[in-house]
Amino acid sequence: MLTEFSFSTEFFIYVLDLFGTVAFAITGAFKAIEKKFDFVGILLLATITGVAGGTIRDVVLGRVPNSIVDPAYVIATIASGIIIFFLYSKLKKHWNLFLKFDAIGLGVFTIIGATFAYNIFGLNFLAILLAGILTAVGGGVLRDVFVNQSPIVFVKEFYLSASFIGIVIFSILLYFTEEIYIATIIGIILTTALRLIAIKYNWNLPKVKNTDS
């Protein structure tokens, strides 16, 4: 029974990890097409954006990266890039799609990264926070750097804050319930929802005012 539960939990996390990979890969493909990358460049940026966060997470946690041992991750990013390549002309007017997929990727990768750390270190909040943040922002930072833009994580409203709040709630739920499914689903929904609400209402964190004339 324990083996079955462990297997189903691992499969649940695996599916969500692939889903987050696809969500971020789509944002990479959008950016690449915007910047007039060729077909290979689009697929490459989609792949980097999709797998970088998880790869960084796995390296930090001392694991062999899933993106290396499981071809499903790269296949998923390439397929995402191809689909966006052919559908971009119909989607380019809907910039909100990019932001929505980025929010979904943020939510999924934040909590999946936290879940990986929890499975290894238990309720070690610093390990959970580090893994969640690295997973969430790694791909997006590289995506923006490769297209010569300031990473969205540094300049957009309520981005890392949404990840942090999601991880805190995820950890609290695990502390009191130990229900990994419930904590994961609520954490993903909360992080994604916070990011989407921040986009809609233009929530901003305080910044230093530039007084130069």
C-alpha atoms as a PDB file:
ATOM      1  CA  MET A   1       0.000   0.000   0.000  1.00  0.00           C
ATOM      2  CA  LEU A   2       2.823   2.387   0.900  1.00  0.00           C
ATOM      3  CA  THR A   3       4.561   1.531  -2.373  1.00  0.00           C
ATOM      4  CA  GLU A   4       1.402   2.290  -4.334  1.00  0.00           C
ATOM      5  CA  PHE A   5       0.983   5.617  -2.527  1.00  0.00           C
ATOM      6  CA  SER A   6       4.633   6.525  -3.134  1.00  0.00           C
ATOM      7  CA  PHE A   7       4.322   5.636  -6.803  1.00  0.00           C
ATOM      8  CA  SER A   8       1.122   7.622  -7.259  1.00  0.00           C
ATOM      9  CA  THR A   9       2.666  10.621  -5.490  1.00  0.00           C
ATOM     10  CA  GLU A  10       5.755  10.491  -7.691  1.00  0.00           C
ATOM     11  CA  PHE A  11       3.601  10.209 -10.812  1.00  0.00           C
ATOM     12  CA  PHE A  12       1.467  13.149  -9.673  1.00  0.00           C
ATOM     13  CA  ILE A  13       4.577  15.308  -9.171  1.00  0.00           C
ATOM     14  CA  TYR A  14       6.035  14.103 -12.479  1.00  0.00           C
ATOM     15  CA  VAL A  15       2.932  15.105 -14.438  1.00  0.00           C
ATOM     16  CA  LEU A  16       2.852  18.544 -12.814  1.00  0.00           C
ATOM     17  CA  ASP A  17       6.580  18.998 -13.481  1.00  0.00           C
ATOM     18  CA  LEU A  18       6.014  18.258 -17.177  1.00  0.00           C
ATOM     19  CA  PHE A  19       3.050  20.644 -17.211  1.00  0.00           C
ATOM     20  CA  GLY A  20       5.181  23.438 -15.773  1.00  0.00           C
ATOM     21  CA  THR A  21       7.891  22.645 -18.313  1.00  0.00           C
ATOM     22  CA  VAL A  22       5.415  23.051 -21.169  1.00  0.00           C
ATOM     23  CA  ALA A  23       4.002  26.298 -19.730  1.00  0.00           C
ATOM     24  CA  PHE A  24       7.442  27.897 -19.542  1.00  0.00           C
ATOM     25  CA  ALA A  25       8.521  26.454 -22.896  1.00  0.00           C
ATOM     26  CA  ILE A  26       5.566  28.235 -24.499  1.00  0.00           C
ATOM     27  CA  THR A  27       6.716  31.568 -23.042  1.00  0.00           C
ATOM     28  CA  GLY A  28      10.211  30.906 -24.415  1.00  0.00           C
ATOM     29  CA  ALA A  29       8.812  30.250 -27.883  1.00  0.00           C
ATOM     30  CA  PHE A  30       6.735  33.448 -27.711  1.00  0.00           C
ATOM     31  CA  LYS A  31       9.785  35.509 -26.807  1.00  0.00           C
ATOM     32  CA  ALA A  32      11.949  33.909 -29.482  1.00  0.00           C
ATOM     33  CA  ILE A  33       9.419  34.620 -32.235  1.00  0.00           C
ATOM     34  CA  GLU A  34       9.013  38.188 -30.979  1.00  0.00           C
ATOM     35  CA  LYS A  35      12.753  38.671 -31.300  1.00  0.00           C
ATOM     36  CA  LYS A  36      12.721  37.167 -34.814  1.00  0.00           C
ATOM     37  CA  PHE A  37      14.688  34.015 -33.964  1.00  0.00           C
ATOM     38  CA  ASP A  38      14.775  31.368 -36.668  1.00  0.00           C
ATOM     39  CA  PHE A  39      13.065  27.989 -36.261  1.00  0.00           C
ATOM     40  CA  VAL A  40      16.010  26.358 -34.490  1.00  0.00           C
ATOM     41  CA  GLY A  41      16.408  29.376 -32.204  1.00  0.00           C
ATOM     42  CA  ILE A  42      12.733  29.159 -31.251  1.00  0.00           C
ATOM     43  CA  LEU A  43      13.039  25.490 -30.296  1.00  0.00           C
ATOM     44  CA  LEU A  44      16.265  26.139 -28.419  1.00  0.00           C
ATOM     45  CA  LEU A  45      14.858  29.008 -26.359  1.00  0.00           C
ATOM     46  CA  ALA A  46      11.674  27.040 -25.663  1.00  0.00           C
ATOM     47  CA  THR A  47      13.787  24.144 -24.391  1.00  0.00           C
ATOM     48  CA  ILE A  48      16.091  26.310 -22.279  1.00  0.00           C
ATOM     49  CA  THR A  49      13.141  28.127 -20.722  1.00  0.00           C
ATOM     50  CA  GLY A  50      11.267  24.915 -20.063  1.00  0.00           C
ATOM     51  CA  VAL A  51      14.015  22.818 -18.481  1.00  0.00           C
ATOM     52  CA  ALA A  52      16.476  25.288 -16.935  1.00  0.00           C
ATOM     53  CA  GLY A  53      14.591  25.811 -13.680  1.00  0.00           C
ATOM     54  CA  GLY A  54      14.188  22.096 -13.031  1.00  0.00           C
ATOM     55  CA  THR A  55      17.783  21.403 -14.028  1.00  0.00           C
ATOM     56  CA  ILE A  56      19.120  24.030 -11.610  1.00  0.00           C
ATOM     57  CA  ARG A  57      16.873  22.609  -8.892  1.00  0.00           C
ATOM     58  CA  ASP A  58      18.092  19.067  -9.418  1.00  0.00           C
ATOM     59  CA  VAL A  59      21.751  20.085  -9.445  1.00  0.00           C
ATOM     60  CA  VAL A  60      21.355  22.051  -6.200  1.00  0.00           C
ATOM     61  CA  LEU A  61      19.536  19.111  -4.581  1.00  0.00           C
ATOM     62  CA  GLY A  62      22.283  16.720  -5.679  1.00  0.00           C
ATOM     63  CA  ARG A  63      20.137  14.836  -8.197  1.00  0.00           C
ATOM     64  CA  VAL A  64      20.769  13.907 -11.802  1.00  0.00           C
ATOM     65  CA  PRO A  65      18.586  16.417 -13.715  1.00  0.00           C
ATOM     66  CA  ASN A  66      15.309  14.969 -14.943  1.00  0.00           C
ATOM     67  CA  SER A  67      15.774  16.774 -18.252  1.00  0.00           C
ATOM     68  CA  ILE A  68      18.878  14.661 -18.905  1.00  0.00           C
ATOM     69  CA  VAL A  69      17.603  11.216 -17.907  1.00  0.00           C
ATOM     70  CA  ASP A  70      14.037  11.589 -19.183  1.00  0.00           C
ATOM     71  CA  PRO A  71      13.626  12.586 -22.853  1.00  0.00           C
ATOM     72  CA  ALA A  72       9.970  13.473 -22.224  1.00  0.00           C
ATOM     73  CA  TYR A  73      11.025  16.897 -20.955  1.00  0.00           C
ATOM     74  CA  VAL A  74      12.922  17.912 -24.082  1.00  0.00           C
ATOM     75  CA  ILE A  75      10.286  16.318 -26.310  1.00  0.00           C
ATOM     76  CA  ALA A  76       7.623  18.392 -24.533  1.00  0.00           C
ATOM     77  CA  THR A  77       9.556  21.647 -24.976  1.00  0.00           C
ATOM     78  CA  ILE A  78      10.290  20.988 -28.654  1.00  0.00           C
ATOM     79  CA  ALA A  79       6.645  20.100 -29.306  1.00  0.00           C
ATOM     80  CA  SER A  80       5.587  23.311 -27.550  1.00  0.00           C
ATOM     81  CA  GLY A  81       7.976  25.352 -29.678  1.00  0.00           C
ATOM     82  CA  ILE A  82       6.705  23.776 -32.906  1.00  0.00           C
ATOM     83  CA  ILE A  83       3.063  24.391 -31.970  1.00  0.00           C
ATOM     84  CA  ILE A  84       3.674  28.058 -31.113  1.00  0.00           C
ATOM     85  CA  PHE A  85       5.720  28.474 -34.313  1.00  0.00           C
ATOM     86  CA  PHE A  86       2.721  27.481 -36.423  1.00  0.00           C
ATOM     87  CA  LEU A  87       0.042  29.174 -34.301  1.00  0.00           C
ATOM     88  CA  TYR A  88       1.847  32.427 -33.496  1.00  0.00           C
ATOM     89  CA  SER A  89       0.162  34.415 -36.275  1.00  0.00           C
ATOM     90  CA  LYS A  90      -3.195  33.663 -34.627  1.00  0.00           C
ATOM     91  CA  LEU A  91      -1.959  34.230 -31.088  1.00  0.00           C
ATOM     92  CA  LYS A  92       0.258  37.300 -31.446  1.00  0.00           C
ATOM     93  CA  LYS A  93      -2.572  39.722 -30.685  1.00  0.00           C
ATOM     94  CA  HIS A  94      -3.200  37.975 -27.384  1.00  0.00           C
ATOM     95  CA  TRP A  95      -0.178  39.078 -25.328  1.00  0.00           C
ATOM     96  CA  ASN A  96      -2.066  38.088 -22.186  1.00  0.00           C
ATOM     97  CA  LEU A  97      -1.501  34.477 -23.200  1.00  0.00           C
ATOM     98  CA  PHE A  98       2.227  34.929 -22.611  1.00  0.00           C
ATOM     99  CA  LEU A  99       1.613  36.433 -19.179  1.00  0.00           C
ATOM    100  CA  LYS A 100      -0.909  33.730 -18.267  1.00  0.00           C
ATOM    101  CA  PHE A 101       1.401  30.888 -19.259  1.00  0.00           C
ATOM    102  CA  ASP A 102       4.215  32.588 -17.362  1.00  0.00           C
ATOM    103  CA  ALA A 103       1.970  32.804 -14.288  1.00  0.00           C
ATOM    104  CA  ILE A 104       1.009  29.131 -14.614  1.00  0.00           C
ATOM    105  CA  GLY A 105       4.660  28.145 -15.017  1.00  0.00           C
ATOM    106  CA  LEU A 106       5.554  30.240 -11.984  1.00  0.00           C
ATOM    107  CA  GLY A 107       2.892  28.593  -9.842  1.00  0.00           C
ATOM    108  CA  VAL A 108       3.605  25.036 -10.915  1.00  0.00           C
ATOM    109  CA  PHE A 109       7.402  25.261 -10.779  1.00  0.00           C
ATOM    110  CA  THR A 110       7.401  27.104  -7.435  1.00  0.00           C
ATOM    111  CA  ILE A 111       5.496  24.346  -5.656  1.00  0.00           C
ATOM    112  CA  ILE A 112       6.994  21.429  -7.590  1.00  0.00           C
ATOM    113  CA  GLY A 113      10.456  22.657  -6.654  1.00  0.00           C
ATOM    114  CA  ALA A 114       9.304  22.936  -3.043  1.00  0.00           C
ATOM    115  CA  THR A 115       7.867  19.412  -3.229  1.00  0.00           C
ATOM    116  CA  PHE A 116      11.146  17.945  -4.477  1.00  0.00           C
ATOM    117  CA  ALA A 117      12.971  19.546  -1.534  1.00  0.00           C
ATOM    118  CA  TYR A 118      10.323  18.318   0.926  1.00  0.00           C
ATOM    119  CA  ASN A 119      10.706  14.744  -0.321  1.00  0.00           C
ATOM    120  CA  ILE A 120      14.465  14.924   0.322  1.00  0.00           C
ATOM    121  CA  PHE A 121      14.834  17.150   3.394  1.00  0.00           C
ATOM    122  CA  GLY A 122      11.418  17.018   5.029  1.00  0.00           C
ATOM    123  CA  LEU A 123      10.024  20.228   6.510  1.00  0.00           C
ATOM    124  CA  ASN A 124      13.227  22.217   6.163  1.00  0.00           C
ATOM    125  CA  PHE A 125      11.782  25.590   5.191  1.00  0.00           C
ATOM    126  CA  LEU A 126      15.013  27.078   3.838  1.00  0.00           C
ATOM    127  CA  ALA A 127      15.589  24.065   1.570  1.00  0.00           C
ATOM    128  CA  ILE A 128      11.968  24.182   0.401  1.00  0.00           C
ATOM    129  CA  LEU A 129      12.175  27.934  -0.241  1.00  0.00           C
ATOM    130  CA  LEU A 130      15.470  27.707  -2.135  1.00  0.00           C
ATOM    131  CA  ALA A 131      14.333  24.825  -4.340  1.00  0.00           C
ATOM    132  CA  GLY A 132      10.983  26.445  -5.052  1.00  0.00           C
ATOM    133  CA  ILE A 133      12.426  29.832  -5.982  1.00  0.00           C
ATOM    134  CA  LEU A 134      15.238  28.390  -8.129  1.00  0.00           C
ATOM    135  CA  THR A 135      12.818  26.162 -10.023  1.00  0.00           C
ATOM    136  CA  ALA A 136      10.375  29.011 -10.557  1.00  0.00           C
ATOM    137  CA  VAL A 137      12.764  31.681 -11.818  1.00  0.00           C
ATOM    138  CA  GLY A 138      15.646  29.783 -13.445  1.00  0.00           C
ATOM    139  CA  GLY A 139      14.094  29.288 -16.866  1.00  0.00           C
ATOM    140  CA  GLY A 140      12.492  32.720 -17.021  1.00  0.00           C
ATOM    141  CA  VAL A 141      15.717  34.509 -16.115  1.00  0.00           C
ATOM    142  CA  LEU A 142      17.671  32.701 -18.838  1.00  0.00           C
ATOM    143  CA  ARG A 143      14.860  33.303 -21.351  1.00  0.00           C
ATOM    144  CA  ASP A 144      14.931  37.053 -20.776  1.00  0.00           C
ATOM    145  CA  VAL A 145      18.730  37.234 -20.715  1.00  0.00           C
ATOM    146  CA  PHE A 146      18.963  35.437 -24.072  1.00  0.00           C
ATOM    147  CA  VAL A 147      16.588  37.967 -25.672  1.00  0.00           C
ATOM    148  CA  ASN A 148      18.523  40.853 -24.083  1.00  0.00           C
ATOM    149  CA  GLN A 149      15.795  41.976 -21.686  1.00  0.00           C
ATOM    150  CA  SER A 150      15.840  42.640 -17.956  1.00  0.00           C
ATOM    151  CA  PRO A 151      14.520  39.437 -16.341  1.00  0.00           C
ATOM    152  CA  ILE A 152      10.833  39.746 -15.528  1.00  0.00           C
ATOM    153  CA  VAL A 153      11.546  38.488 -12.034  1.00  0.00           C
ATOM    154  CA  PHE A 154      13.512  41.674 -11.258  1.00  0.00           C
ATOM    155  CA  VAL A 155      11.231  44.276 -12.779  1.00  0.00           C
ATOM    156  CA  LYS A 156       7.662  42.975 -12.742  1.00  0.00           C
ATOM    157  CA  GLU A 157       5.198  43.507  -9.971  1.00  0.00           C
ATOM    158  CA  PHE A 158       4.566  40.808  -7.392  1.00  0.00           C
ATOM    159  CA  TYR A 159       6.506  37.983  -9.030  1.00  0.00           C
ATOM    160  CA  LEU A 160       8.872  36.498  -6.452  1.00  0.00           C
ATOM    161  CA  SER A 161       6.466  37.607  -3.752  1.00  0.00           C
ATOM    162  CA  ALA A 162       3.803  35.293  -5.190  1.00  0.00           C
ATOM    163  CA  SER A 163       6.294  32.413  -5.106  1.00  0.00           C
ATOM    164  CA  PHE A 164       7.280  33.177  -1.527  1.00  0.00           C
ATOM    165  CA  ILE A 165       3.686  33.312  -0.293  1.00  0.00           C
ATOM    166  CA  GLY A 166       2.841  30.095  -2.129  1.00  0.00           C
ATOM    167  CA  ILE A 167       5.797  28.307  -0.521  1.00  0.00           C
ATOM    168  CA  VAL A 168       4.879  29.577   2.949  1.00  0.00           C
ATOM    169  CA  ILE A 169       1.291  28.299   2.617  1.00  0.00           C
ATOM    170  CA  PHE A 170       2.543  25.007   1.134  1.00  0.00           C
ATOM    171  CA  SER A 171       4.858  24.526   4.133  1.00  0.00           C
ATOM    172  CA  ILE A 172       2.177  25.433   6.678  1.00  0.00           C
ATOM    173  CA  LEU A 173      -0.286  22.977   5.142  1.00  0.00           C
ATOM    174  CA  LEU A 174       2.302  20.201   5.227  1.00  0.00           C
ATOM    175  CA  TYR A 175       3.204  20.995   8.820  1.00  0.00           C
ATOM    176  CA  PHE A 176      -0.379  20.652  10.015  1.00  0.00           C
ATOM    177  CA  THR A 177      -1.784  18.020   7.632  1.00  0.00           C
ATOM    178  CA  GLU A 178       1.081  16.150   5.896  1.00  0.00           C
ATOM    179  CA  GLU A 179      -1.270  15.905   2.890  1.00  0.00           C
ATOM    180  CA  ILE A 180       1.119  16.366  -0.042  1.00  0.00           C
ATOM    181  CA  TYR A 181      -1.646  16.385  -2.665  1.00  0.00           C
ATOM    182  CA  ILE A 182      -3.689  19.066  -0.942  1.00  0.00           C
ATOM    183  CA  ALA A 183      -0.655  21.210  -0.115  1.00  0.00           C
ATOM    184  CA  THR A 184       0.654  20.969  -3.682  1.00  0.00           C
ATOM    185  CA  ILE A 185      -2.630  21.792  -5.394  1.00  0.00           C
ATOM    186  CA  ILE A 186      -3.465  24.687  -3.051  1.00  0.00           C
ATOM    187  CA  GLY A 187       0.090  26.036  -3.321  1.00  0.00           C
ATOM    188  CA  ILE A 188       0.009  25.993  -7.129  1.00  0.00           C
ATOM    189  CA  ILE A 189      -3.439  27.581  -7.331  1.00  0.00           C
ATOM    190  CA  LEU A 190      -2.545  30.267  -4.793  1.00  0.00           C
ATOM    191  CA  THR A 191       0.792  31.209  -6.397  1.00  0.00           C
ATOM    192  CA  THR A 192      -0.700  31.304  -9.896  1.00  0.00           C
ATOM    193  CA  ALA A 193      -3.750  33.258  -8.732  1.00  0.00           C
ATOM    194  CA  LEU A 194      -1.645  35.839  -6.905  1.00  0.00           C
ATOM    195  CA  ARG A 195       0.449  36.408 -10.018  1.00  0.00           C
ATOM    196  CA  LEU A 196      -2.620  36.709 -12.270  1.00  0.00           C
ATOM    197  CA  ILE A 197      -4.310  39.122  -9.842  1.00  0.00           C
ATOM    198  CA  ALA A 198      -1.105  41.182  -9.689  1.00  0.00           C
ATOM    199  CA  ILE A 199      -1.115  41.395 -13.500  1.00  0.00           C
ATOM    200  CA  LYS A 200      -4.774  42.413 -13.622  1.00  0.00           C
ATOM    201  CA  TYR A 201      -4.560  45.089 -10.925  1.00  0.00           C
ATOM    202  CA  ASN A 202      -0.971  46.150 -11.613  1.00  0.00           C
ATOM    203  CA  TRP A 203       0.268  45.432  -8.123  1.00  0.00           C
ATOM    204  CA  ASN A 204       3.747  46.809  -7.558  1.00  0.00           C
ATOM    205  CA  LEU A 205       6.249  46.546  -4.778  1.00  0.00           C
ATOM    206  CA  PRO A 206       7.972  49.762  -3.611  1.00  0.00           C
ATOM    207  CA  LYS A 207      10.849  51.006  -5.758  1.00  0.00           C
ATOM    208  CA  VAL A 208      13.436  53.715  -5.279  1.00  0.00           C
ATOM    209  CA  LYS A 209      12.263  56.861  -7.024  1.00  0.00           C
ATOM    210  CA  ASN A 210      14.657  58.238  -9.608  1.00  0.00           C
ATOM    211  CA  THR A 211      15.012  61.948  -8.878  1.00  0.00           C
ATOM    212  CA  ASP A 212      17.435  62.641 -11.710  1.00  0.00           C
ATOM    213  CA  SER A 213      16.144  65.250 -14.114  1.00  0.00           C
END
